[in-house]
C-alpha atoms as a PDB file:
ATOM      1  CA  MET A   1       0.000   0.000   0.000  1.00  0.00           C
ATOM      2  CA  LYS A   2       2.866   2.379   0.828  1.00  0.00           C
ATOM      3  CA  LYS A   3       4.346   1.732  -2.624  1.00  0.00           C
ATOM      4  CA  THR A   4       0.987   2.539  -4.272  1.00  0.00           C
ATOM      5  CA  ILE A   5       0.641   5.817  -2.342  1.00  0.00           C
ATOM      6  CA  LEU A   6       4.231   6.769  -3.180  1.00  0.00           C
ATOM      7  CA  ALA A   7       3.639   5.959  -6.852  1.00  0.00           C
ATOM      8  CA  ILE A   8       0.480   8.129  -6.909  1.00  0.00           C
ATOM      9  CA  ILE A   9       2.330  11.011  -5.208  1.00  0.00           C
ATOM     10  CA  ALA A  10       5.254  10.651  -7.652  1.00  0.00           C
ATOM     11  CA  MET A  11       2.856  10.701 -10.636  1.00  0.00           C
ATOM     12  CA  GLY A  12       1.155  13.811  -9.270  1.00  0.00           C
ATOM     13  CA  LEU A  13       4.478  15.587  -8.796  1.00  0.00           C
ATOM     14  CA  SER A  14       5.696  14.700 -12.291  1.00  0.00           C
ATOM     15  CA  ALA A  15       2.457  15.981 -13.839  1.00  0.00           C
ATOM     16  CA  SER A  16       2.766  19.293 -12.009  1.00  0.00           C
ATOM     17  CA  VAL A  17       6.430  19.608 -13.010  1.00  0.00           C
ATOM     18  CA  THR A  18       5.549  18.997 -16.669  1.00  0.00           C
ATOM     19  CA  ALA A  19       2.772  21.616 -16.571  1.00  0.00           C
ATOM     20  CA  ALA A  20       5.130  24.171 -15.053  1.00  0.00           C
ATOM     21  CA  ASP A  21       7.678  23.616 -17.844  1.00  0.00           C
ATOM     22  CA  MET A  22       5.264  24.652 -20.642  1.00  0.00           C
ATOM     23  CA  GLU A  23       5.447  28.197 -21.936  1.00  0.00           C
ATOM     24  CA  THR A  24       2.560  30.585 -21.498  1.00  0.00           C
ATOM     25  CA  GLY A  25       0.690  31.182 -24.737  1.00  0.00           C
ATOM     26  CA  SER A  26      -1.677  33.899 -25.833  1.00  0.00           C
ATOM     27  CA  GLN A  27      -4.443  34.328 -28.357  1.00  0.00           C
ATOM     28  CA  THR A  28      -5.972  37.555 -29.623  1.00  0.00           C
ATOM     29  CA  MET A  29      -9.739  37.737 -30.057  1.00  0.00           C
ATOM     30  CA  GLN A  30     -11.266  40.316 -32.392  1.00  0.00           C
ATOM     31  CA  TRP A  31     -14.754  41.367 -33.300  1.00  0.00           C
ATOM     32  CA  LYS A  32     -15.306  43.360 -36.429  1.00  0.00           C
ATOM     33  CA  GLY A  33     -18.293  45.153 -37.850  1.00  0.00           C
ATOM     34  CA  LYS A  34     -18.790  48.066 -40.136  1.00  0.00           C
ATOM     35  CA  VAL A  35     -21.239  50.882 -39.729  1.00  0.00           C
ATOM     36  CA  PRO A  36     -22.598  51.498 -43.232  1.00  0.00           C
ATOM     37  CA  VAL A  37     -22.649  54.883 -44.878  1.00  0.00           C
ATOM     38  CA  VAL A  38     -25.899  56.751 -44.541  1.00  0.00           C
ATOM     39  CA  THR A  39     -28.444  55.221 -46.854  1.00  0.00           C
ATOM     40  CA  PRO A  40     -31.691  56.910 -47.684  1.00  0.00           C
ATOM     41  CA  PRO A  41     -34.584  55.693 -45.545  1.00  0.00           C
ATOM     42  CA  THR A  42     -37.216  53.690 -47.402  1.00  0.00           C
ATOM     43  CA  ASP A  43     -39.569  56.680 -47.290  1.00  0.00           C
ATOM     44  CA  ALA A  44     -37.024  59.142 -48.787  1.00  0.00           C
ATOM     45  CA  GLY A  45     -38.770  59.087 -52.161  1.00  0.00           C
ATOM     46  CA  TYR A  46     -35.809  57.606 -54.037  1.00  0.00           C
ATOM     47  CA  VAL A  47     -33.328  54.702 -54.087  1.00  0.00           C
ATOM     48  CA  ILE A  48     -29.744  54.444 -55.254  1.00  0.00           C
ATOM     49  CA  GLU A  49     -29.906  51.434 -57.537  1.00  0.00           C
ATOM     50  CA  LYS A  50     -26.964  49.369 -58.773  1.00  0.00           C
ATOM     51  CA  LEU A  51     -26.196  49.761 -62.459  1.00  0.00           C
ATOM     52  CA  GLY A  52     -24.230  47.011 -64.190  1.00  0.00           C
ATOM     53  CA  ALA A  53     -22.948  43.678 -62.941  1.00  0.00           C
ATOM     54  CA  THR A  54     -20.694  44.719 -60.052  1.00  0.00           C
ATOM     55  CA  ASP A  55     -22.231  45.121 -56.596  1.00  0.00           C
ATOM     56  CA  PHE A  56     -21.397  48.219 -54.544  1.00  0.00           C
ATOM     57  CA  LEU A  57     -19.008  46.324 -52.238  1.00  0.00           C
ATOM     58  CA  ALA A  58     -17.610  43.840 -54.778  1.00  0.00           C
ATOM     59  CA  GLY A  59     -15.244  45.792 -57.047  1.00  0.00           C
ATOM     60  CA  ASN A  60     -11.874  44.297 -57.999  1.00  0.00           C
ATOM     61  CA  LEU A  61      -8.437  45.866 -58.313  1.00  0.00           C
ATOM     62  CA  VAL A  62      -5.763  44.264 -60.516  1.00  0.00           C
ATOM     63  CA  PHE A  63      -2.116  45.139 -59.834  1.00  0.00           C
ATOM     64  CA  ASP A  64       1.170  44.471 -61.593  1.00  0.00           C
ATOM     65  CA  ASN A  65       4.496  44.238 -59.758  1.00  0.00           C
ATOM     66  CA  THR A  66       7.438  44.483 -62.136  1.00  0.00           C
ATOM     67  CA  ALA A  67      10.888  44.793 -60.552  1.00  0.00           C
ATOM     68  CA  GLY A  68       9.301  46.055 -57.323  1.00  0.00           C
ATOM     69  CA  VAL A  69       7.287  48.787 -59.024  1.00  0.00           C
ATOM     70  CA  VAL A  70       3.594  48.283 -58.238  1.00  0.00           C
ATOM     71  CA  THR A  71       1.019  49.634 -60.683  1.00  0.00           C
ATOM     72  CA  LEU A  72      -2.747  49.369 -60.810  1.00  0.00           C
ATOM     73  CA  THR A  73      -3.605  47.887 -64.208  1.00  0.00           C
ATOM     74  CA  SER A  74      -7.404  47.907 -63.921  1.00  0.00           C
ATOM     75  CA  SER A  75     -10.395  48.167 -61.622  1.00  0.00           C
ATOM     76  CA  SER A  76     -14.026  47.174 -61.835  1.00  0.00           C
ATOM     77  CA  LYS A  77     -16.542  49.840 -62.719  1.00  0.00           C
ATOM     78  CA  ILE A  78     -19.263  50.218 -60.106  1.00  0.00           C
ATOM     79  CA  GLY A  79     -22.328  52.080 -61.266  1.00  0.00           C
ATOM     80  CA  PHE A  80     -25.614  53.435 -60.004  1.00  0.00           C
ATOM     81  CA  VAL A  81     -28.702  55.362 -60.996  1.00  0.00           C
ATOM     82  CA  VAL A  82     -31.159  57.222 -58.792  1.00  0.00           C
ATOM     83  CA  LYS A  83     -34.799  56.248 -59.164  1.00  0.00           C
ATOM     84  CA  PRO A  84     -37.988  57.500 -57.559  1.00  0.00           C
ATOM     85  CA  ALA A  85     -39.546  55.133 -55.025  1.00  0.00           C
ATOM     86  CA  ASP A  86     -42.735  54.980 -53.011  1.00  0.00           C
ATOM     87  CA  GLU A  87     -42.900  55.294 -49.212  1.00  0.00           C
ATOM     88  CA  ALA A  88     -41.938  51.619 -48.847  1.00  0.00           C
ATOM     89  CA  GLY A  89     -38.821  52.075 -50.991  1.00  0.00           C
ATOM     90  CA  VAL A  90     -40.321  50.172 -53.934  1.00  0.00           C
ATOM     91  CA  VAL A  91     -39.348  51.312 -57.431  1.00  0.00           C
ATOM     92  CA  ALA A  92     -41.962  51.009 -60.162  1.00  0.00           C
ATOM     93  CA  ASP A  93     -40.961  48.902 -63.176  1.00  0.00           C
ATOM     94  CA  ASP A  94     -41.377  51.908 -65.478  1.00  0.00           C
ATOM     95  CA  ALA A  95     -39.598  54.378 -63.175  1.00  0.00           C
ATOM     96  CA  VAL A  96     -37.535  56.949 -65.048  1.00  0.00           C
ATOM     97  CA  PRO A  97     -34.175  57.745 -63.400  1.00  0.00           C
ATOM     98  CA  LEU A  98     -33.907  61.092 -61.621  1.00  0.00           C
ATOM     99  CA  ALA A  99     -31.313  63.776 -62.169  1.00  0.00           C
ATOM    100  CA  TYR A 100     -28.937  64.108 -59.209  1.00  0.00           C
ATOM    101  CA  ASP A 101     -25.765  65.627 -57.863  1.00  0.00           C
ATOM    102  CA  VAL A 102     -23.024  63.269 -56.728  1.00  0.00           C
ATOM    103  CA  GLN A 103     -20.140  64.396 -54.523  1.00  0.00           C
ATOM    104  CA  LEU A 104     -17.006  62.411 -53.674  1.00  0.00           C
ATOM    105  CA  THR A 105     -16.706  62.908 -49.918  1.00  0.00           C
ATOM    106  CA  ASN A 106     -13.875  60.519 -49.095  1.00  0.00           C
ATOM    107  CA  VAL A 107     -11.395  58.033 -50.544  1.00  0.00           C
ATOM    108  CA  ARG A 108     -10.290  55.417 -48.015  1.00  0.00           C
ATOM    109  CA  VAL A 109      -7.504  52.868 -48.329  1.00  0.00           C
ATOM    110  CA  GLY A 110      -6.902  49.778 -46.196  1.00  0.00           C
ATOM    111  CA  ILE A 111      -3.949  47.418 -46.394  1.00  0.00           C
ATOM    112  CA  ASN A 112      -4.011  43.739 -45.323  1.00  0.00           C
ATOM    113  CA  GLY A 113      -7.349  43.956 -43.573  1.00  0.00           C
ATOM    114  CA  ALA A 114      -6.387  47.029 -41.571  1.00  0.00           C
ATOM    115  CA  PRO A 115      -9.243  49.444 -41.071  1.00  0.00           C
ATOM    116  CA  THR A 116      -9.630  51.782 -43.980  1.00  0.00           C
ATOM    117  CA  ALA A 117      -8.271  55.270 -43.429  1.00  0.00           C
ATOM    118  CA  GLU A 118      -8.484  58.405 -45.497  1.00  0.00           C
ATOM    119  CA  GLN A 119      -5.948  58.230 -48.293  1.00  0.00           C
ATOM    120  CA  THR A 120      -2.883  60.293 -47.461  1.00  0.00           C
ATOM    121  CA  ASN A 121      -0.342  59.496 -50.180  1.00  0.00           C
ATOM    122  CA  GLY A 122      -2.536  60.335 -53.163  1.00  0.00           C
ATOM    123  CA  PHE A 123      -1.667  57.193 -55.169  1.00  0.00           C
ATOM    124  CA  PHE A 124      -5.311  56.343 -55.925  1.00  0.00           C
ATOM    125  CA  GLU A 125      -7.881  58.543 -57.606  1.00  0.00           C
ATOM    126  CA  VAL A 126     -11.528  58.020 -58.429  1.00  0.00           C
ATOM    127  CA  LYS A 127     -12.968  58.472 -61.897  1.00  0.00           C
ATOM    128  CA  HIS A 128     -16.616  59.295 -62.560  1.00  0.00           C
ATOM    129  CA  ASN A 129     -17.760  58.358 -66.065  1.00  0.00           C
ATOM    130  CA  ASN A 130     -14.104  58.216 -67.169  1.00  0.00           C
ATOM    131  CA  ALA A 131     -13.209  61.703 -65.849  1.00  0.00           C
ATOM    132  CA  VAL A 132     -11.087  62.365 -62.757  1.00  0.00           C
ATOM    133  CA  PHE A 133     -13.399  62.941 -59.763  1.00  0.00           C
ATOM    134  CA  PRO A 134     -11.497  64.937 -57.102  1.00  0.00           C
ATOM    135  CA  LYS A 135     -12.456  64.685 -53.452  1.00  0.00           C
ATOM    136  CA  ASN A 136     -15.145  67.209 -52.412  1.00  0.00           C
ATOM    137  CA  SER A 137     -16.060  67.922 -56.028  1.00  0.00           C
ATOM    138  CA  THR A 138     -19.645  67.608 -57.212  1.00  0.00           C
ATOM    139  CA  VAL A 139     -20.897  66.364 -60.567  1.00  0.00           C
ATOM    140  CA  ASN A 140     -24.400  67.092 -61.811  1.00  0.00           C
ATOM    141  CA  VAL A 141     -26.011  64.187 -63.634  1.00  0.00           C
ATOM    142  CA  ALA A 142     -28.750  65.909 -65.633  1.00  0.00           C
ATOM    143  CA  VAL A 143     -32.067  64.411 -66.676  1.00  0.00           C
ATOM    144  CA  ASP A 144     -30.796  63.613 -70.184  1.00  0.00           C
ATOM    145  CA  LYS A 145     -27.875  61.615 -68.678  1.00  0.00           C
ATOM    146  CA  ALA A 146     -29.734  60.139 -65.666  1.00  0.00           C
ATOM    147  CA  ALA A 147     -30.418  56.796 -67.376  1.00  0.00           C
ATOM    148  CA  GLU A 148     -26.682  56.400 -68.046  1.00  0.00           C
ATOM    149  CA  GLY A 149     -26.050  56.999 -64.337  1.00  0.00           C
ATOM    150  CA  SER A 150     -22.687  57.164 -62.658  1.00  0.00           C
ATOM    151  CA  MET A 151     -19.874  54.712 -63.314  1.00  0.00           C
ATOM    152  CA  LEU A 152     -17.045  54.928 -60.763  1.00  0.00           C
ATOM    153  CA  GLU A 153     -13.652  53.278 -61.013  1.00  0.00           C
ATOM    154  CA  ILE A 154     -10.298  53.479 -59.264  1.00  0.00           C
ATOM    155  CA  ALA A 155      -7.187  54.647 -61.091  1.00  0.00           C
ATOM    156  CA  THR A 156      -3.767  55.928 -60.094  1.00  0.00           C
ATOM    157  CA  LYS A 157      -2.475  59.446 -60.328  1.00  0.00           C
ATOM    158  CA  ALA A 158       0.213  59.991 -62.915  1.00  0.00           C
ATOM    159  CA  GLY A 159       3.626  60.636 -61.413  1.00  0.00           C
ATOM    160  CA  VAL A 160       2.749  59.310 -57.939  1.00  0.00           C
ATOM    161  CA  THR A 161       4.829  56.334 -56.822  1.00  0.00           C
ATOM    162  CA  SER A 162       3.121  53.457 -55.055  1.00  0.00           C
ATOM    163  CA  GLU A 163       4.078  52.549 -51.506  1.00  0.00           C
ATOM    164  CA  LEU A 164       2.516  49.096 -51.916  1.00  0.00           C
ATOM    165  CA  ASN A 165       4.514  45.904 -51.483  1.00  0.00           C
ATOM    166  CA  ALA A 166       4.230  42.342 -52.760  1.00  0.00           C
ATOM    167  CA  ASP A 167       1.442  40.230 -51.243  1.00  0.00           C
ATOM    168  CA  GLU A 168      -0.404  43.189 -49.711  1.00  0.00           C
ATOM    169  CA  GLU A 169      -4.176  43.089 -49.989  1.00  0.00           C
ATOM    170  CA  VAL A 170      -5.584  46.520 -50.811  1.00  0.00           C
ATOM    171  CA  THR A 171      -9.086  47.854 -50.195  1.00  0.00           C
ATOM    172  CA  VAL A 172     -10.105  51.196 -51.701  1.00  0.00           C
ATOM    173  CA  GLN A 173     -13.441  52.794 -50.863  1.00  0.00           C
ATOM    174  CA  ALA A 174     -15.019  55.779 -52.585  1.00  0.00           C
ATOM    175  CA  VAL A 175     -17.688  57.395 -50.415  1.00  0.00           C
ATOM    176  CA  VAL A 176     -20.194  59.510 -52.327  1.00  0.00           C
ATOM    177  CA  ALA A 177     -23.109  61.717 -51.329  1.00  0.00           C
ATOM    178  CA  VAL A 178     -26.086  61.659 -53.683  1.00  0.00           C
ATOM    179  CA  THR A 179     -28.689  64.450 -53.832  1.00  0.00           C
ATOM    180  CA  PRO A 180     -31.605  63.644 -56.127  1.00  0.00           C
ATOM    181  CA  LYS A 181     -33.475  66.359 -57.997  1.00  0.00           C
ATOM    182  CA  THR A 182     -37.189  65.905 -58.447  1.00  0.00           C
ATOM    183  CA  ALA A 183     -37.457  68.233 -61.423  1.00  0.00           C
ATOM    184  CA  GLU A 184     -35.212  70.362 -63.605  1.00  0.00           C
ATOM    185  CA  ILE A 185     -36.376  73.391 -65.546  1.00  0.00           C
END
């Protein structure tokens, strides 16, 4: 019996010695969510409707990296039109697009999943219907062009060198404010 008790005590001591020899580890936990930009309420009298195949949050950027020089070779075009809607936010099948003003309020860039921050280096620019769309500028989309809507894409400014590196994942966001016009004279 004494040998059994000694064996149990010895096993207990060796288990506690082994546990003490292991290094302390750590694990980071993270929760992530994004507050969306202000969207018109369903009773606003209009909706901002996707135009084309690319969803608002699904654009692609294609880069080239030749001898360490990173260039943006293309980006998806993301488009929209503004249409009148009823108080429930429903657009009639025969709804004619409204004229509107669109303003670029911010260009944000995120690298490798980091939160997007306002662009500081000026490498990226936004184009609206193939023309450079500077931050805080406003473009009027008149009634005769309303059906064509707005097509936005990301480009790079000429003469600005990229600070991007191989294997970095880049997110670029263009935040726009849209002000519909109910009638133009």
